[in-house]
N, C-alpha and C. Protein backbone atom coordinates (compact mmCIF):
# COMPACT_ATOMS: atom_id res chain seq x y z
N MET A 1 20.29 13.71 -21.65
CA MET A 1 18.96 13.11 -21.66
C MET A 1 17.97 14.13 -21.13
N SER A 2 17.05 14.55 -21.96
CA SER A 2 16.08 15.57 -21.55
C SER A 2 14.80 14.97 -20.99
N GLU A 3 14.42 13.79 -21.42
CA GLU A 3 13.20 13.16 -20.95
C GLU A 3 13.46 12.44 -19.62
N LYS A 4 12.52 12.55 -18.70
CA LYS A 4 12.67 11.86 -17.42
C LYS A 4 12.65 10.36 -17.66
N ASN A 5 13.58 9.66 -17.01
CA ASN A 5 13.69 8.23 -17.21
C ASN A 5 13.04 7.43 -16.10
N LEU A 6 13.07 7.91 -14.86
CA LEU A 6 12.46 7.19 -13.75
C LEU A 6 10.98 7.52 -13.69
N LEU A 7 10.14 6.51 -13.64
CA LEU A 7 8.71 6.73 -13.74
C LEU A 7 7.99 6.70 -12.40
N GLN A 8 8.17 5.63 -11.64
CA GLN A 8 7.47 5.50 -10.37
C GLN A 8 8.14 4.42 -9.54
N VAL A 9 7.81 4.37 -8.28
CA VAL A 9 8.26 3.30 -7.40
C VAL A 9 7.08 2.36 -7.20
N THR A 10 7.30 1.07 -7.38
CA THR A 10 6.25 0.09 -7.10
C THR A 10 6.78 -0.87 -6.04
N PRO A 11 6.39 -0.65 -4.79
CA PRO A 11 6.89 -1.50 -3.70
C PRO A 11 6.34 -2.92 -3.81
N TRP A 12 7.08 -3.84 -3.19
CA TRP A 12 6.68 -5.24 -3.11
C TRP A 12 6.04 -5.53 -1.75
N LEU A 13 5.01 -6.34 -1.77
CA LEU A 13 4.37 -6.84 -0.56
C LEU A 13 4.33 -8.35 -0.69
N LEU A 14 4.91 -9.07 0.26
CA LEU A 14 4.84 -10.52 0.25
C LEU A 14 3.64 -10.98 1.06
N ALA A 15 2.92 -11.95 0.52
CA ALA A 15 1.71 -12.45 1.18
C ALA A 15 1.65 -13.96 1.03
N SER A 16 1.15 -14.64 2.05
CA SER A 16 1.01 -16.09 1.96
C SER A 16 -0.11 -16.46 1.00
N ASP A 17 -1.08 -15.57 0.80
CA ASP A 17 -2.20 -15.81 -0.10
C ASP A 17 -2.34 -14.61 -1.03
N VAL A 18 -1.75 -14.72 -2.21
CA VAL A 18 -1.75 -13.61 -3.17
C VAL A 18 -3.18 -13.24 -3.57
N GLU A 19 -4.01 -14.23 -3.81
CA GLU A 19 -5.39 -13.97 -4.23
C GLU A 19 -6.16 -13.18 -3.17
N ALA A 20 -6.02 -13.56 -1.91
CA ALA A 20 -6.71 -12.84 -0.83
C ALA A 20 -6.21 -11.40 -0.73
N MET A 21 -4.90 -11.20 -0.89
CA MET A 21 -4.35 -9.85 -0.81
C MET A 21 -4.84 -9.00 -1.98
N VAL A 22 -4.92 -9.58 -3.16
CA VAL A 22 -5.46 -8.85 -4.32
C VAL A 22 -6.90 -8.46 -4.07
N ARG A 23 -7.70 -9.38 -3.52
CA ARG A 23 -9.10 -9.07 -3.20
C ARG A 23 -9.18 -7.87 -2.27
N PHE A 24 -8.31 -7.83 -1.25
CA PHE A 24 -8.30 -6.71 -0.32
C PHE A 24 -7.98 -5.41 -1.05
N PHE A 25 -6.95 -5.41 -1.88
CA PHE A 25 -6.58 -4.20 -2.61
C PHE A 25 -7.69 -3.75 -3.55
N VAL A 26 -8.37 -4.70 -4.19
CA VAL A 26 -9.43 -4.35 -5.15
C VAL A 26 -10.72 -3.96 -4.43
N GLU A 27 -11.20 -4.82 -3.54
CA GLU A 27 -12.51 -4.61 -2.91
C GLU A 27 -12.51 -3.55 -1.82
N VAL A 28 -11.41 -3.43 -1.09
CA VAL A 28 -11.38 -2.49 0.04
C VAL A 28 -10.69 -1.18 -0.35
N LEU A 29 -9.53 -1.28 -0.99
CA LEU A 29 -8.76 -0.07 -1.30
C LEU A 29 -9.05 0.51 -2.68
N GLY A 30 -9.83 -0.16 -3.50
CA GLY A 30 -10.24 0.39 -4.79
C GLY A 30 -9.19 0.31 -5.88
N PHE A 31 -8.22 -0.58 -5.76
CA PHE A 31 -7.21 -0.77 -6.80
C PHE A 31 -7.77 -1.66 -7.90
N ARG A 32 -7.05 -1.76 -9.01
CA ARG A 32 -7.40 -2.65 -10.11
C ARG A 32 -6.27 -3.66 -10.27
N ALA A 33 -6.61 -4.92 -10.44
CA ALA A 33 -5.59 -5.96 -10.66
C ALA A 33 -5.32 -6.05 -12.16
N TRP A 34 -4.06 -5.83 -12.53
CA TRP A 34 -3.67 -5.88 -13.94
C TRP A 34 -3.13 -7.25 -14.32
N VAL A 35 -2.35 -7.85 -13.44
CA VAL A 35 -1.74 -9.16 -13.67
C VAL A 35 -1.90 -9.94 -12.40
N GLN A 36 -2.27 -11.21 -12.51
CA GLN A 36 -2.41 -12.00 -11.29
C GLN A 36 -2.32 -13.48 -11.61
N ASP A 37 -1.51 -14.19 -10.83
CA ASP A 37 -1.57 -15.64 -10.76
C ASP A 37 -1.31 -16.01 -9.30
N GLU A 38 -1.05 -17.27 -9.00
CA GLU A 38 -0.91 -17.66 -7.59
C GLU A 38 0.38 -17.16 -6.95
N PHE A 39 1.34 -16.68 -7.77
CA PHE A 39 2.63 -16.25 -7.24
C PHE A 39 2.89 -14.75 -7.33
N TYR A 40 2.13 -14.04 -8.15
CA TYR A 40 2.45 -12.63 -8.41
C TYR A 40 1.20 -11.87 -8.84
N ALA A 41 1.13 -10.62 -8.42
CA ALA A 41 0.07 -9.73 -8.89
C ALA A 41 0.61 -8.31 -8.95
N TYR A 42 0.04 -7.53 -9.85
CA TYR A 42 0.35 -6.11 -9.98
C TYR A 42 -0.98 -5.38 -9.88
N VAL A 43 -1.12 -4.53 -8.85
CA VAL A 43 -2.36 -3.78 -8.65
C VAL A 43 -2.03 -2.30 -8.70
N SER A 44 -3.00 -1.52 -9.22
CA SER A 44 -2.76 -0.08 -9.28
C SER A 44 -4.06 0.68 -9.13
N ARG A 45 -3.88 1.93 -8.73
CA ARG A 45 -4.99 2.86 -8.65
C ARG A 45 -4.41 4.23 -8.96
N ASP A 46 -4.96 4.89 -9.94
CA ASP A 46 -4.44 6.16 -10.41
C ASP A 46 -2.96 5.97 -10.78
N ASP A 47 -2.05 6.72 -10.18
CA ASP A 47 -0.63 6.59 -10.50
C ASP A 47 0.15 5.77 -9.47
N ALA A 48 -0.54 5.11 -8.54
CA ALA A 48 0.11 4.30 -7.51
C ALA A 48 -0.05 2.83 -7.84
N ALA A 49 1.00 2.05 -7.57
CA ALA A 49 0.95 0.61 -7.86
C ALA A 49 1.71 -0.15 -6.79
N VAL A 50 1.34 -1.42 -6.61
CA VAL A 50 2.00 -2.33 -5.67
C VAL A 50 2.14 -3.67 -6.37
N ARG A 51 3.28 -4.31 -6.16
CA ARG A 51 3.51 -5.66 -6.65
C ARG A 51 3.36 -6.60 -5.46
N ILE A 52 2.57 -7.66 -5.64
CA ILE A 52 2.31 -8.61 -4.55
C ILE A 52 2.94 -9.93 -4.95
N GLY A 53 3.81 -10.46 -4.09
CA GLY A 53 4.47 -11.72 -4.37
C GLY A 53 4.12 -12.77 -3.34
N LYS A 54 4.23 -14.02 -3.75
CA LYS A 54 3.92 -15.16 -2.87
C LYS A 54 5.04 -15.32 -1.85
N LEU A 55 4.68 -15.34 -0.58
CA LEU A 55 5.62 -15.58 0.51
C LEU A 55 5.92 -17.07 0.57
N SER A 56 7.19 -17.40 0.59
CA SER A 56 7.59 -18.81 0.65
C SER A 56 7.12 -19.46 1.94
N GLU A 57 6.96 -20.76 1.88
CA GLU A 57 6.56 -21.52 3.06
C GLU A 57 7.64 -22.56 3.36
N GLY A 58 7.62 -23.11 4.54
CA GLY A 58 8.57 -24.17 4.89
C GLY A 58 9.97 -23.64 5.09
N GLU A 59 10.97 -24.43 4.65
CA GLU A 59 12.37 -24.10 4.87
C GLU A 59 12.78 -22.81 4.18
N ASP A 60 12.21 -22.53 3.02
CA ASP A 60 12.58 -21.32 2.28
C ASP A 60 12.09 -20.05 2.96
N ALA A 61 11.06 -20.16 3.81
CA ALA A 61 10.45 -18.97 4.41
C ALA A 61 11.43 -18.23 5.32
N ALA A 62 12.17 -18.97 6.16
CA ALA A 62 13.10 -18.32 7.09
C ALA A 62 14.18 -17.57 6.33
N GLU A 63 14.73 -18.18 5.29
CA GLU A 63 15.75 -17.52 4.48
C GLU A 63 15.18 -16.30 3.77
N GLU A 64 13.97 -16.42 3.26
CA GLU A 64 13.34 -15.30 2.56
C GLU A 64 13.10 -14.13 3.51
N ARG A 65 12.68 -14.41 4.74
CA ARG A 65 12.43 -13.34 5.70
C ARG A 65 13.73 -12.60 6.04
N VAL A 66 14.83 -13.32 6.11
CA VAL A 66 16.11 -12.67 6.36
C VAL A 66 16.48 -11.79 5.16
N GLU A 67 16.29 -12.34 3.97
CA GLU A 67 16.65 -11.60 2.76
C GLU A 67 15.76 -10.37 2.57
N TRP A 68 14.45 -10.50 2.80
CA TRP A 68 13.52 -9.42 2.52
C TRP A 68 13.22 -8.54 3.73
N GLY A 69 13.52 -8.98 4.93
CA GLY A 69 13.23 -8.18 6.11
C GLY A 69 11.96 -8.63 6.80
N ALA A 70 11.53 -7.86 7.77
CA ALA A 70 10.45 -8.27 8.67
C ALA A 70 9.07 -8.24 8.03
N ARG A 71 8.86 -7.51 6.98
CA ARG A 71 7.58 -7.42 6.26
C ARG A 71 6.51 -6.65 7.00
N ALA A 72 6.84 -5.88 7.98
CA ALA A 72 5.84 -4.98 8.57
C ALA A 72 5.78 -3.77 7.64
N TRP A 73 5.26 -3.99 6.46
CA TRP A 73 5.30 -2.99 5.38
C TRP A 73 4.67 -1.69 5.80
N LEU A 74 5.27 -0.66 5.33
CA LEU A 74 4.75 0.68 5.54
C LEU A 74 4.85 1.40 4.20
N PHE A 75 3.83 1.25 3.36
CA PHE A 75 3.78 1.94 2.07
C PHE A 75 3.34 3.36 2.30
N TYR A 76 3.84 4.27 1.50
CA TYR A 76 3.41 5.66 1.58
C TYR A 76 2.99 6.08 0.19
N ILE A 77 1.72 6.46 0.06
CA ILE A 77 1.19 6.88 -1.23
C ILE A 77 0.72 8.32 -1.10
N ASP A 78 1.29 9.21 -1.91
CA ASP A 78 0.89 10.61 -1.91
C ASP A 78 -0.44 10.74 -2.64
N VAL A 79 -1.35 11.52 -2.06
CA VAL A 79 -2.68 11.71 -2.64
C VAL A 79 -3.03 13.20 -2.68
N ARG A 80 -4.03 13.53 -3.47
CA ARG A 80 -4.48 14.92 -3.56
C ARG A 80 -5.44 15.30 -2.43
N ASP A 81 -6.33 14.36 -2.02
CA ASP A 81 -7.36 14.66 -1.03
C ASP A 81 -7.49 13.49 -0.06
N VAL A 82 -6.75 13.55 1.04
CA VAL A 82 -6.73 12.43 1.98
C VAL A 82 -8.08 12.28 2.69
N ASP A 83 -8.77 13.38 2.96
CA ASP A 83 -10.06 13.28 3.66
C ASP A 83 -11.10 12.55 2.81
N ALA A 84 -11.10 12.78 1.53
CA ALA A 84 -12.02 12.07 0.64
C ALA A 84 -11.70 10.58 0.63
N LEU A 85 -10.41 10.25 0.65
CA LEU A 85 -9.99 8.85 0.66
C LEU A 85 -10.39 8.17 1.98
N VAL A 86 -10.26 8.88 3.09
CA VAL A 86 -10.68 8.34 4.39
C VAL A 86 -12.17 8.03 4.36
N ALA A 87 -12.96 8.95 3.85
CA ALA A 87 -14.41 8.74 3.78
C ALA A 87 -14.75 7.52 2.94
N GLU A 88 -13.97 7.28 1.90
CA GLU A 88 -14.19 6.12 1.03
C GLU A 88 -13.72 4.82 1.70
N LEU A 89 -12.52 4.83 2.28
CA LEU A 89 -11.89 3.60 2.73
C LEU A 89 -12.27 3.13 4.13
N ARG A 90 -12.49 4.05 5.05
CA ARG A 90 -12.74 3.64 6.45
C ARG A 90 -13.91 2.64 6.56
N PRO A 91 -15.07 2.90 5.94
CA PRO A 91 -16.15 1.91 6.06
C PRO A 91 -15.79 0.56 5.43
N LYS A 92 -15.01 0.58 4.36
CA LYS A 92 -14.60 -0.68 3.71
C LYS A 92 -13.61 -1.44 4.58
N LEU A 93 -12.71 -0.73 5.23
CA LEU A 93 -11.77 -1.39 6.15
C LEU A 93 -12.52 -2.05 7.30
N GLN A 94 -13.47 -1.33 7.87
CA GLN A 94 -14.25 -1.87 8.99
C GLN A 94 -15.10 -3.06 8.53
N ALA A 95 -15.68 -2.98 7.34
CA ALA A 95 -16.47 -4.09 6.81
C ALA A 95 -15.61 -5.32 6.55
N ALA A 96 -14.32 -5.10 6.29
CA ALA A 96 -13.38 -6.21 6.07
C ALA A 96 -12.85 -6.77 7.39
N GLY A 97 -13.35 -6.26 8.53
CA GLY A 97 -12.96 -6.76 9.83
C GLY A 97 -11.68 -6.15 10.38
N LEU A 98 -11.25 -5.05 9.79
CA LEU A 98 -10.05 -4.35 10.26
C LEU A 98 -10.47 -3.10 11.01
N ASP A 99 -9.54 -2.53 11.77
CA ASP A 99 -9.90 -1.26 12.40
C ASP A 99 -10.00 -0.21 11.30
N GLY A 100 -10.58 0.90 11.60
CA GLY A 100 -10.83 1.92 10.59
C GLY A 100 -9.63 2.76 10.21
N GLY A 101 -8.46 2.41 10.69
CA GLY A 101 -7.26 3.16 10.37
C GLY A 101 -6.97 4.25 11.38
N LYS A 102 -5.85 4.90 11.19
CA LYS A 102 -5.41 5.97 12.08
C LYS A 102 -5.41 7.29 11.32
N GLY A 103 -5.94 8.33 11.95
CA GLY A 103 -5.97 9.64 11.31
C GLY A 103 -7.29 9.86 10.61
N PRO A 104 -7.35 10.86 9.77
CA PRO A 104 -6.23 11.64 9.26
C PRO A 104 -5.67 12.60 10.32
N LYS A 105 -4.37 12.84 10.21
CA LYS A 105 -3.68 13.68 11.17
C LYS A 105 -2.65 14.54 10.45
N ASP A 106 -2.64 15.84 10.78
CA ASP A 106 -1.63 16.74 10.23
C ASP A 106 -0.31 16.49 10.94
N GLN A 107 0.74 16.28 10.17
CA GLN A 107 2.06 15.99 10.72
C GLN A 107 2.96 17.22 10.62
N PRO A 108 3.93 17.35 11.53
CA PRO A 108 4.81 18.51 11.50
C PRO A 108 5.71 18.57 10.26
N TRP A 109 5.82 17.47 9.52
CA TRP A 109 6.65 17.47 8.30
C TRP A 109 5.86 17.88 7.06
N GLY A 110 4.66 18.42 7.29
CA GLY A 110 3.91 19.02 6.19
C GLY A 110 2.98 18.10 5.43
N MET A 111 2.61 16.97 6.04
CA MET A 111 1.69 16.03 5.38
C MET A 111 0.50 15.76 6.30
N ARG A 112 -0.66 15.58 5.70
CA ARG A 112 -1.85 15.12 6.40
C ARG A 112 -1.97 13.64 6.05
N GLU A 113 -1.95 12.76 7.07
CA GLU A 113 -1.81 11.33 6.81
C GLU A 113 -2.96 10.49 7.35
N PHE A 114 -3.24 9.42 6.62
CA PHE A 114 -4.19 8.39 7.03
C PHE A 114 -3.49 7.05 6.93
N TRP A 115 -3.48 6.30 8.03
CA TRP A 115 -2.84 4.99 8.08
C TRP A 115 -3.92 3.91 7.95
N ALA A 116 -3.91 3.19 6.85
CA ALA A 116 -4.88 2.12 6.59
C ALA A 116 -4.23 0.77 6.88
N PRO A 117 -4.82 -0.05 7.78
CA PRO A 117 -4.20 -1.32 8.12
C PRO A 117 -4.29 -2.33 6.98
N LEU A 118 -3.27 -3.16 6.88
CA LEU A 118 -3.27 -4.29 5.95
C LEU A 118 -3.69 -5.55 6.68
N PRO A 119 -4.34 -6.48 6.01
CA PRO A 119 -4.77 -7.71 6.69
C PRO A 119 -3.60 -8.58 7.16
N VAL A 120 -2.40 -8.36 6.66
CA VAL A 120 -1.23 -9.15 7.08
C VAL A 120 -0.41 -8.42 8.13
N GLY A 121 -0.91 -7.29 8.62
CA GLY A 121 -0.16 -6.46 9.56
C GLY A 121 0.51 -5.32 8.82
N GLY A 122 0.89 -4.32 9.55
CA GLY A 122 1.48 -3.15 8.92
C GLY A 122 0.40 -2.24 8.34
N TYR A 123 0.85 -1.22 7.63
CA TYR A 123 -0.07 -0.20 7.12
C TYR A 123 0.32 0.27 5.73
N ILE A 124 -0.66 0.80 5.06
CA ILE A 124 -0.44 1.66 3.90
C ILE A 124 -0.78 3.06 4.39
N VAL A 125 0.13 4.00 4.19
CA VAL A 125 -0.12 5.37 4.61
C VAL A 125 -0.40 6.21 3.38
N PHE A 126 -1.50 6.95 3.44
CA PHE A 126 -1.86 7.88 2.38
C PHE A 126 -1.61 9.28 2.92
N GLY A 127 -0.85 10.10 2.20
CA GLY A 127 -0.50 11.42 2.69
C GLY A 127 -0.77 12.52 1.68
N GLN A 128 -1.32 13.61 2.18
CA GLN A 128 -1.61 14.79 1.36
C GLN A 128 -0.69 15.92 1.82
N GLU A 129 -0.03 16.55 0.88
CA GLU A 129 0.86 17.66 1.18
C GLU A 129 0.03 18.85 1.70
N ILE A 130 0.40 19.36 2.89
CA ILE A 130 -0.28 20.54 3.43
C ILE A 130 0.67 21.72 3.54
N LEU A 131 1.95 21.47 3.44
CA LEU A 131 2.95 22.54 3.35
C LEU A 131 3.71 22.30 2.05
N PRO A 132 3.95 23.35 1.27
CA PRO A 132 4.62 23.13 0.00
C PRO A 132 6.01 22.55 0.17
N MET A 133 6.31 21.54 -0.65
CA MET A 133 7.62 20.92 -0.65
C MET A 133 8.59 21.81 -1.44
N PRO A 134 9.87 21.80 -1.06
CA PRO A 134 10.83 22.60 -1.84
C PRO A 134 10.97 22.04 -3.25
N ALA A 135 11.16 22.93 -4.20
CA ALA A 135 11.33 22.50 -5.60
C ALA A 135 12.64 21.76 -5.72
N GLY A 136 12.61 20.66 -6.49
CA GLY A 136 13.80 19.84 -6.62
C GLY A 136 14.42 20.04 -7.91
């Protein structure tokens, strides 16, 4: 097989209010909603995408949390210019009532990172390569 078969990773984020989470991704983070109903949404920006699913309530919620984990999501999205993204997103995060994020900060593993808070807790981390990665 000569053509690459794996295209991208699209992480899942569970939210009690899918519509509110989509609004955050669209209005604050600049994503576009491609598919959305009360149980599922697919949002993307450039080559990055996230799938948002409805978090169960009641008796099913405890079982779902065990199956899916703690949900303190930590997405990592590689970007070309993290400083430009910080300039764009920090005022929108603050206007949405969140802190302005952490960073940008150069990390010893060769990435310059900005941690943007999610309204449900946890972060989306945007990272720019500052040291060349080894060829794979």
